């Protein structure tokens, strides 16, 4: 397998970004459900309920969105230490 080598110019451009993304402060924000891209996780939950490959009515799509938001919010509350009140 051939390994691609980065030129000094490319490395000088991407290394500062890599170092910033690898800081403990930024990585700590990604722990315990505090992800950077919450919308992407919500979209994933929506499409798990209602796949993109199958055409559905507007009402079915609305129900998939409502269910995903509910499940997503409930999961976030549990992650943050809030229960169902029981």
PDB file of N, CA and C in Angstrom:
ATOM      1  N   UNK A   1       0.849  -1.178   0.000  1.00  0.00           N
ATOM      2  CA  UNK A   1       0.000   0.000   0.000  1.00  0.00           C
ATOM      3  C   UNK A   1       0.897   1.245   0.000  1.00  0.00           C
ATOM      4  N   UNK A   2       0.599   2.167  -0.867  1.00  0.00           N
ATOM      5  CA  UNK A   2       1.378   3.388  -0.965  1.00  0.00           C
ATOM      6  C   UNK A   2       0.820   4.432  -0.001  1.00  0.00           C
ATOM      7  N   UNK A   3       1.695   5.022   0.768  1.00  0.00           N
ATOM      8  CA  UNK A   3       1.266   6.066   1.698  1.00  0.00           C
ATOM      9  C   UNK A   3       1.496   7.426   1.055  1.00  0.00           C
ATOM     10  N   UNK A   4       0.494   8.267   1.117  1.00  0.00           N
ATOM     11  CA  UNK A   4       0.619   9.612   0.566  1.00  0.00           C
ATOM     12  C   UNK A   4       1.357  10.485   1.572  1.00  0.00           C
ATOM     13  N   UNK A   5       2.284  11.259   1.087  1.00  0.00           N
ATOM     14  CA  UNK A   5       3.040  12.153   1.957  1.00  0.00           C
ATOM     15  C   UNK A   5       2.518  13.571   1.777  1.00  0.00           C
ATOM     16  N   UNK A   6       2.415  14.269   2.883  1.00  0.00           N
ATOM     17  CA  UNK A   6       1.972  15.657   2.840  1.00  0.00           C
ATOM     18  C   UNK A   6       3.173  16.559   2.596  1.00  0.00           C
ATOM     19  N   UNK A   7       2.975  17.531   1.757  1.00  0.00           N
ATOM     20  CA  UNK A   7       4.046  18.500   1.528  1.00  0.00           C
ATOM     21  C   UNK A   7       4.111  19.442   2.720  1.00  0.00           C
ATOM     22  N   UNK A   8       5.211  20.133   2.837  1.00  0.00           N
ATOM     23  CA  UNK A   8       5.392  21.088   3.926  1.00  0.00           C
ATOM     24  C   UNK A   8       4.325  22.176   3.853  1.00  0.00           C
ATOM     25  N   UNK A   9       3.994  22.625   2.638  1.00  0.00           N
ATOM     26  CA  UNK A   9       2.971  23.662   2.477  1.00  0.00           C
ATOM     27  C   UNK A   9       1.610  23.191   2.985  1.00  0.00           C
ATOM     28  N   UNK A  10       1.229  21.980   2.609  1.00  0.00           N
ATOM     29  CA  UNK A  10      -0.060  21.435   3.051  1.00  0.00           C
ATOM     30  C   UNK A  10      -0.050  21.243   4.558  1.00  0.00           C
ATOM     31  N   UNK A  11       1.012  20.680   5.073  1.00  0.00           N
ATOM     32  CA  UNK A  11       1.116  20.439   6.505  1.00  0.00           C
ATOM     33  C   UNK A  11       1.036  21.738   7.295  1.00  0.00           C
ATOM     34  N   UNK A  12       1.686  22.787   6.796  1.00  0.00           N
ATOM     35  CA  UNK A  12       1.653  24.074   7.501  1.00  0.00           C
ATOM     36  C   UNK A  12       0.246  24.669   7.526  1.00  0.00           C
ATOM     37  N   UNK A  13      -0.588  24.297   6.560  1.00  0.00           N
ATOM     38  CA  UNK A  13      -1.970  24.795   6.519  1.00  0.00           C
ATOM     39  C   UNK A  13      -2.895  23.999   7.437  1.00  0.00           C
ATOM     40  N   UNK A  14      -2.733  22.679   7.479  1.00  0.00           N
ATOM     41  CA  UNK A  14      -3.693  21.864   8.233  1.00  0.00           C
ATOM     42  C   UNK A  14      -3.286  21.609   9.684  1.00  0.00           C
ATOM     43  N   UNK A  15      -2.005  21.706  10.007  1.00  0.00           N
ATOM     44  CA  UNK A  15      -1.562  21.412  11.365  1.00  0.00           C
ATOM     45  C   UNK A  15      -2.171  22.346  12.412  1.00  0.00           C
ATOM     46  N   UNK A  16      -2.235  23.665  12.181  1.00  0.00           N
ATOM     47  CA  UNK A  16      -2.871  24.530  13.184  1.00  0.00           C
ATOM     48  C   UNK A  16      -4.342  24.161  13.436  1.00  0.00           C
ATOM     49  N   UNK A  17      -5.067  23.821  12.390  1.00  0.00           N
ATOM     50  CA  UNK A  17      -6.468  23.419  12.549  1.00  0.00           C
ATOM     51  C   UNK A  17      -6.562  22.115  13.329  1.00  0.00           C
ATOM     52  N   UNK A  18      -5.715  21.172  12.992  1.00  0.00           N
ATOM     53  CA  UNK A  18      -5.702  19.889  13.706  1.00  0.00           C
ATOM     54  C   UNK A  18      -5.413  20.111  15.188  1.00  0.00           C
ATOM     55  N   UNK A  19      -4.440  20.936  15.493  1.00  0.00           N
ATOM     56  CA  UNK A  19      -4.110  21.211  16.903  1.00  0.00           C
ATOM     57  C   UNK A  19      -5.279  21.868  17.623  1.00  0.00           C
ATOM     58  N   UNK A  20      -5.967  22.784  16.950  1.00  0.00           N
ATOM     59  CA  UNK A  20      -7.117  23.445  17.579  1.00  0.00           C
ATOM     60  C   UNK A  20      -8.235  22.440  17.836  1.00  0.00           C
ATOM     61  N   UNK A  21      -8.500  21.567  16.878  1.00  0.00           N
ATOM     62  CA  UNK A  21      -9.564  20.576  17.035  1.00  0.00           C
ATOM     63  C   UNK A  21      -9.223  19.507  18.067  1.00  0.00           C
ATOM     64  N   UNK A  22      -7.944  19.339  18.356  1.00  0.00           N
ATOM     65  CA  UNK A  22      -7.519  18.306  19.299  1.00  0.00           C
ATOM     66  C   UNK A  22      -7.292  18.843  20.708  1.00  0.00           C
ATOM     67  N   UNK A  23      -7.657  20.093  20.967  1.00  0.00           N
ATOM     68  CA  UNK A  23      -7.459  20.633  22.315  1.00  0.00           C
ATOM     69  C   UNK A  23      -8.397  19.954  23.304  1.00  0.00           C
ATOM     70  N   UNK A  24      -7.950  19.858  24.539  1.00  0.00           N
ATOM     71  CA  UNK A  24      -8.765  19.229  25.583  1.00  0.00           C
ATOM     72  C   UNK A  24     -10.080  19.973  25.797  1.00  0.00           C
ATOM     73  N   UNK A  25     -10.049  21.292  25.677  1.00  0.00           N
ATOM     74  CA  UNK A  25     -11.264  22.080  25.888  1.00  0.00           C
ATOM     75  C   UNK A  25     -12.336  21.729  24.852  1.00  0.00           C
ATOM     76  N   UNK A  26     -11.938  21.643  23.601  1.00  0.00           N
ATOM     77  CA  UNK A  26     -12.902  21.334  22.546  1.00  0.00           C
ATOM     78  C   UNK A  26     -13.380  19.891  22.649  1.00  0.00           C
ATOM     79  N   UNK A  27     -12.473  18.976  22.921  1.00  0.00           N
ATOM     80  CA  UNK A  27     -12.860  17.570  23.053  1.00  0.00           C
ATOM     81  C   UNK A  27     -13.771  17.363  24.261  1.00  0.00           C
ATOM     82  N   UNK A  28     -13.562  18.121  25.332  1.00  0.00           N
ATOM     83  CA  UNK A  28     -14.414  17.998  26.522  1.00  0.00           C
ATOM     84  C   UNK A  28     -15.847  18.423  26.214  1.00  0.00           C
ATOM     85  N   UNK A  29     -16.019  19.373  25.302  1.00  0.00           N
ATOM     86  CA  UNK A  29     -17.372  19.805  24.933  1.00  0.00           C
ATOM     87  C   UNK A  29     -18.129  18.719  24.184  1.00  0.00           C
ATOM     88  N   UNK A  30     -17.408  17.772  23.616  1.00  0.00           N
ATOM     89  CA  UNK A  30     -18.040  16.691  22.854  1.00  0.00           C
ATOM     90  C   UNK A  30     -18.442  15.516  23.739  1.00  0.00           C
ATOM     91  N   UNK A  31     -18.099  15.564  25.004  1.00  0.00           N
ATOM     92  CA  UNK A  31     -18.423  14.458  25.911  1.00  0.00           C
ATOM     93  C   UNK A  31     -19.827  14.624  26.478  1.00  0.00           C
ATOM     94  N   UNK A  32     -20.394  13.538  26.954  1.00  0.00           N
ATOM     95  CA  UNK A  32     -21.677  13.522  27.651  1.00  0.00           C
ATOM     96  C   UNK A  32     -22.806  14.086  26.801  1.00  0.00           C
ATOM     97  N   UNK A  33     -22.801  13.796  25.525  1.00  0.00           N
ATOM     98  CA  UNK A  33     -23.887  14.218  24.656  1.00  0.00           C
ATOM     99  C   UNK A  33     -23.814  15.662  24.213  1.00  0.00           C
ATOM    100  N   UNK A  34     -22.789  16.388  24.623  1.00  0.00           N
ATOM    101  CA  UNK A  34     -22.653  17.791  24.230  1.00  0.00           C
ATOM    102  C   UNK A  34     -21.884  17.860  22.917  1.00  0.00           C
ATOM    103  N   UNK A  35     -22.476  17.311  21.880  1.00  0.00           N
ATOM    104  CA  UNK A  35     -21.810  17.250  20.593  1.00  0.00           C
ATOM    105  C   UNK A  35     -21.900  18.592  19.891  1.00  0.00           C
ATOM    106  N   UNK A  36     -21.000  18.813  18.966  1.00  0.00           N
ATOM    107  CA  UNK A  36     -20.968  20.091  18.273  1.00  0.00           C
ATOM    108  C   UNK A  36     -22.116  20.236  17.288  1.00  0.00           C
ATOM    109  N   UNK A  37     -22.474  19.177  16.636  1.00  0.00           N
ATOM    110  CA  UNK A  37     -23.492  19.281  15.609  1.00  0.00           C
ATOM    111  C   UNK A  37     -24.753  18.541  16.035  1.00  0.00           C
ATOM    112  N   UNK A  38     -25.528  19.176  16.890  1.00  0.00           N
ATOM    113  CA  UNK A  38     -26.746  18.575  17.406  1.00  0.00           C
ATOM    114  C   UNK A  38     -27.754  18.336  16.292  1.00  0.00           C
ATOM    115  N   UNK A  39     -27.822  19.243  15.323  1.00  0.00           N
ATOM    116  CA  UNK A  39     -28.776  19.080  14.220  1.00  0.00           C
ATOM    117  C   UNK A  39     -28.534  17.796  13.444  1.00  0.00           C
ATOM    118  N   UNK A  40     -27.275  17.446  13.265  1.00  0.00           N
ATOM    119  CA  UNK A  40     -26.964  16.227  12.525  1.00  0.00           C
ATOM    120  C   UNK A  40     -27.501  15.003  13.263  1.00  0.00           C
ATOM    121  N   UNK A  41     -27.386  14.986  14.578  1.00  0.00           N
ATOM    122  CA  UNK A  41     -27.913  13.870  15.364  1.00  0.00           C
ATOM    123  C   UNK A  41     -29.434  13.826  15.287  1.00  0.00           C
ATOM    124  N   UNK A  42     -30.065  14.988  15.338  1.00  0.00           N
ATOM    125  CA  UNK A  42     -31.524  15.042  15.240  1.00  0.00           C
ATOM    126  C   UNK A  42     -31.974  14.565  13.865  1.00  0.00           C
ATOM    127  N   UNK A  43     -31.281  15.003  12.821  1.00  0.00           N
ATOM    128  CA  UNK A  43     -31.638  14.553  11.468  1.00  0.00           C
ATOM    129  C   UNK A  43     -31.504  13.044  11.352  1.00  0.00           C
ATOM    130  N   UNK A  44     -30.481  12.496  11.964  1.00  0.00           N
ATOM    131  CA  UNK A  44     -30.289  11.046  11.945  1.00  0.00           C
ATOM    132  C   UNK A  44     -31.464  10.346  12.621  1.00  0.00           C
ATOM    133  N   UNK A  45     -31.934  10.904  13.733  1.00  0.00           N
ATOM    134  CA  UNK A  45     -33.084  10.315  14.436  1.00  0.00           C
ATOM    135  C   UNK A  45     -34.351  10.412  13.587  1.00  0.00           C
ATOM    136  N   UNK A  46     -34.522  11.511  12.880  1.00  0.00           N
ATOM    137  CA  UNK A  46     -35.701  11.663  12.009  1.00  0.00           C
ATOM    138  C   UNK A  46     -35.673  10.615  10.913  1.00  0.00           C
ATOM    139  N   UNK A  47     -34.533  10.465  10.243  1.00  0.00           N
ATOM    140  CA  UNK A  47     -34.463   9.544   9.108  1.00  0.00           C
ATOM    141  C   UNK A  47     -34.474   8.086   9.548  1.00  0.00           C
ATOM    142  N   UNK A  48     -34.180   7.839  10.819  1.00  0.00           N
ATOM    143  CA  UNK A  48     -34.321   6.479  11.329  1.00  0.00           C
ATOM    144  C   UNK A  48     -35.807   6.131  11.439  1.00  0.00           C
ATOM    145  N   UNK A  49     -36.632   7.119  11.776  1.00  0.00           N
ATOM    146  CA  UNK A  49     -38.084   6.920  11.871  1.00  0.00           C
ATOM    147  C   UNK A  49     -38.750   6.890  10.503  1.00  0.00           C
ATOM    148  N   UNK A  50     -38.189   7.608   9.560  1.00  0.00           N
ATOM    149  CA  UNK A  50     -38.840   7.770   8.259  1.00  0.00           C
ATOM    150  C   UNK A  50     -37.746   7.846   7.196  1.00  0.00           C
ATOM    151  N   UNK A  51     -37.461   6.733   6.550  1.00  0.00           N
ATOM    152  CA  UNK A  51     -36.331   6.687   5.623  1.00  0.00           C
ATOM    153  C   UNK A  51     -36.542   7.593   4.414  1.00  0.00           C
ATOM    154  N   UNK A  52     -35.445   8.046   3.865  1.00  0.00           N
ATOM    155  CA  UNK A  52     -35.488   8.912   2.691  1.00  0.00           C
ATOM    156  C   UNK A  52     -35.849   8.142   1.424  1.00  0.00           C
ATOM    157  N   UNK A  53     -35.654   6.834   1.444  1.00  0.00           N
ATOM    158  CA  UNK A  53     -35.882   6.021   0.249  1.00  0.00           C
ATOM    159  C   UNK A  53     -37.356   5.771  -0.037  1.00  0.00           C
ATOM    160  N   UNK A  54     -38.200   5.913   0.971  1.00  0.00           N
ATOM    161  CA  UNK A  54     -39.624   5.618   0.821  1.00  0.00           C
ATOM    162  C   UNK A  54     -40.422   6.911   0.875  1.00  0.00           C
ATOM    163  N   UNK A  55     -41.271   7.131  -0.116  1.00  0.00           N
ATOM    164  CA  UNK A  55     -42.118   8.316  -0.120  1.00  0.00           C
ATOM    165  C   UNK A  55     -43.212   8.156   0.931  1.00  0.00           C
ATOM    166  N   UNK A  56     -43.416   9.193   1.732  1.00  0.00           N
ATOM    167  CA  UNK A  56     -44.481   9.174   2.743  1.00  0.00           C
ATOM    168  C   UNK A  56     -45.269  10.472   2.646  1.00  0.00           C
ATOM    169  N   UNK A  57     -46.445  10.464   3.229  1.00  0.00           N
ATOM    170  CA  UNK A  57     -47.276  11.671   3.217  1.00  0.00           C
ATOM    171  C   UNK A  57     -46.695  12.712   4.176  1.00  0.00           C
ATOM    172  N   UNK A  58     -47.183  13.919   4.044  1.00  0.00           N
ATOM    173  CA  UNK A  58     -46.733  15.013   4.898  1.00  0.00           C
ATOM    174  C   UNK A  58     -47.035  14.702   6.363  1.00  0.00           C
ATOM    175  N   UNK A  59     -48.195  14.103   6.638  1.00  0.00           N
ATOM    176  CA  UNK A  59     -48.561  13.780   8.021  1.00  0.00           C
ATOM    177  C   UNK A  59     -47.634  12.726   8.628  1.00  0.00           C
ATOM    178  N   UNK A  60     -47.266  11.728   7.841  1.00  0.00           N
ATOM    179  CA  UNK A  60     -46.344  10.699   8.327  1.00  0.00           C
ATOM    180  C   UNK A  60     -44.981  11.329   8.628  1.00  0.00           C
ATOM    181  N   UNK A  61     -44.538  12.213   7.748  1.00  0.00           N
ATOM    182  CA  UNK A  61     -43.265  12.893   7.969  1.00  0.00           C
ATOM    183  C   UNK A  61     -43.321  13.752   9.231  1.00  0.00           C
ATOM    184  N   UNK A  62     -44.430  14.460   9.426  1.00  0.00           N
ATOM    185  CA  UNK A  62     -44.593  15.271  10.640  1.00  0.00           C
ATOM    186  C   UNK A  62     -44.502  14.402  11.890  1.00  0.00           C
ATOM    187  N   UNK A  63     -45.151  13.242  11.859  1.00  0.00           N
ATOM    188  CA  UNK A  63     -45.110  12.338  13.008  1.00  0.00           C
ATOM    189  C   UNK A  63     -43.686  11.830  13.249  1.00  0.00           C
ATOM    190  N   UNK A  64     -42.964  11.556  12.184  1.00  0.00           N
ATOM    191  CA  UNK A  64     -41.575  11.107  12.326  1.00  0.00           C
ATOM    192  C   UNK A  64     -40.726  12.195  12.974  1.00  0.00           C
ATOM    193  N   UNK A  65     -40.943  13.443  12.563  1.00  0.00           N
ATOM    194  CA  UNK A  65     -40.201  14.570  13.133  1.00  0.00           C
ATOM    195  C   UNK A  65     -40.566  14.760  14.599  1.00  0.00           C
ATOM    196  N   UNK A  66     -41.855  14.735  14.910  1.00  0.00           N
ATOM    197  CA  UNK A  66     -42.307  14.912  16.293  1.00  0.00           C
ATOM    198  C   UNK A  66     -41.742  13.818  17.190  1.00  0.00           C
ATOM    199  N   UNK A  67     -41.803  12.580  16.724  1.00  0.00           N
ATOM    200  CA  UNK A  67     -41.286  11.458  17.505  1.00  0.00           C
ATOM    201  C   UNK A  67     -39.779  11.586  17.709  1.00  0.00           C
ATOM    202  N   UNK A  68     -39.066  11.952  16.659  1.00  0.00           N
ATOM    203  CA  UNK A  68     -37.610  12.096  16.762  1.00  0.00           C
ATOM    204  C   UNK A  68     -37.238  13.207  17.736  1.00  0.00           C
ATOM    205  N   UNK A  69     -37.939  14.334  17.670  1.00  0.00           N
ATOM    206  CA  UNK A  69     -37.662  15.440  18.591  1.00  0.00           C
ATOM    207  C   UNK A  69     -37.933  15.018  20.023  1.00  0.00           C
ATOM    208  N   UNK A  70     -39.037  14.332  20.234  1.00  0.00           N
ATOM    209  CA  UNK A  70     -39.379  13.856  21.572  1.00  0.00           C
ATOM    210  C   UNK A  70     -38.321  12.891  22.099  1.00  0.00           C
ATOM    211  N   UNK A  71     -37.975  11.895  21.294  1.00  0.00           N
ATOM    212  CA  UNK A  71     -36.958  10.922  21.705  1.00  0.00           C
ATOM    213  C   UNK A  71     -35.608  11.594  21.929  1.00  0.00           C
ATOM    214  N   UNK A  72     -35.256  12.510  21.039  1.00  0.00           N
ATOM    215  CA  UNK A  72     -33.979  13.205  21.137  1.00  0.00           C
ATOM    216  C   UNK A  72     -33.928  14.044  22.411  1.00  0.00           C
ATOM    217  N   UNK A  73     -35.000  14.786  22.685  1.00  0.00           N
ATOM    218  CA  UNK A  73     -35.052  15.632  23.879  1.00  0.00           C
ATOM    219  C   UNK A  73     -35.027  14.787  25.145  1.00  0.00           C
ATOM    220  N   UNK A  74     -35.766  13.688  25.148  1.00  0.00           N
ATOM    221  CA  UNK A  74     -35.801  12.807  26.308  1.00  0.00           C
ATOM    222  C   UNK A  74     -34.415  12.224  26.570  1.00  0.00           C
ATOM    223  N   UNK A  75     -33.731  11.829  25.520  1.00  0.00           N
ATOM    224  CA  UNK A  75     -32.377  11.301  25.662  1.00  0.00           C
ATOM    225  C   UNK A  75     -31.411  12.339  26.188  1.00  0.00           C
ATOM    226  N   UNK A  76     -31.562  13.574  25.735  1.00  0.00           N
ATOM    227  CA  UNK A  76     -30.701  14.655  26.216  1.00  0.00           C
ATOM    228  C   UNK A  76     -30.944  14.917  27.692  1.00  0.00           C
ATOM    229  N   UNK A  77     -32.213  14.878  28.128  1.00  0.00           N
ATOM    230  CA  UNK A  77     -32.512  15.096  29.540  1.00  0.00           C
ATOM    231  C   UNK A  77     -31.896  14.001  30.397  1.00  0.00           C
ATOM    232  N   UNK A  78     -31.975  12.766  29.945  1.00  0.00           N
ATOM    233  CA  UNK A  78     -31.362  11.668  30.691  1.00  0.00           C
ATOM    234  C   UNK A  78     -29.850  11.833  30.755  1.00  0.00           C
ATOM    235  N   UNK A  79     -29.253  12.268  29.657  1.00  0.00           N
ATOM    236  CA  UNK A  79     -27.807  12.483  29.624  1.00  0.00           C
ATOM    237  C   UNK A  79     -27.397  13.569  30.608  1.00  0.00           C
ATOM    238  N   UNK A  80     -28.231  14.584  30.740  1.00  0.00           N
ATOM    239  CA  UNK A  80     -27.925  15.686  31.651  1.00  0.00           C
ATOM    240  C   UNK A  80     -28.287  15.371  33.099  1.00  0.00           C
ATOM    241  N   UNK A  81     -28.888  14.212  33.341  1.00  0.00           N
ATOM    242  CA  UNK A  81     -29.192  13.801  34.707  1.00  0.00           C
ATOM    243  C   UNK A  81     -30.607  14.087  35.159  1.00  0.00           C
ATOM    244  N   UNK A  82     -31.479  14.466  34.248  1.00  0.00           N
ATOM    245  CA  UNK A  82     -32.876  14.697  34.588  1.00  0.00           C
ATOM    246  C   UNK A  82     -33.671  13.463  34.201  1.00  0.00           C
ATOM    247  N   UNK A  83     -34.442  12.943  35.122  1.00  0.00           N
ATOM    248  CA  UNK A  83     -35.226  11.746  34.842  1.00  0.00           C
ATOM    249  C   UNK A  83     -36.626  12.089  34.405  1.00  0.00           C
ATOM    250  N   UNK A  84     -37.498  11.089  34.466  1.00  0.00           N
ATOM    251  CA  UNK A  84     -38.883  11.278  34.047  1.00  0.00           C
ATOM    252  C   UNK A  84     -39.744  11.824  35.175  1.00  0.00           C
ATOM    253  N   UNK A  85     -39.174  12.042  36.341  1.00  0.00           N
ATOM    254  CA  UNK A  85     -39.943  12.585  37.456  1.00  0.00           C
ATOM    255  C   UNK A  85     -40.496  11.525  38.377  1.00  0.00           C
ATOM    256  N   UNK A  86     -40.168  10.278  38.106  1.00  0.00           N
ATOM    257  CA  UNK A  86     -40.651   9.190  38.954  1.00  0.00           C
ATOM    258  C   UNK A  86     -39.632   8.828  39.989  1.00  0.00           C
TER     259      UNK A  86
END
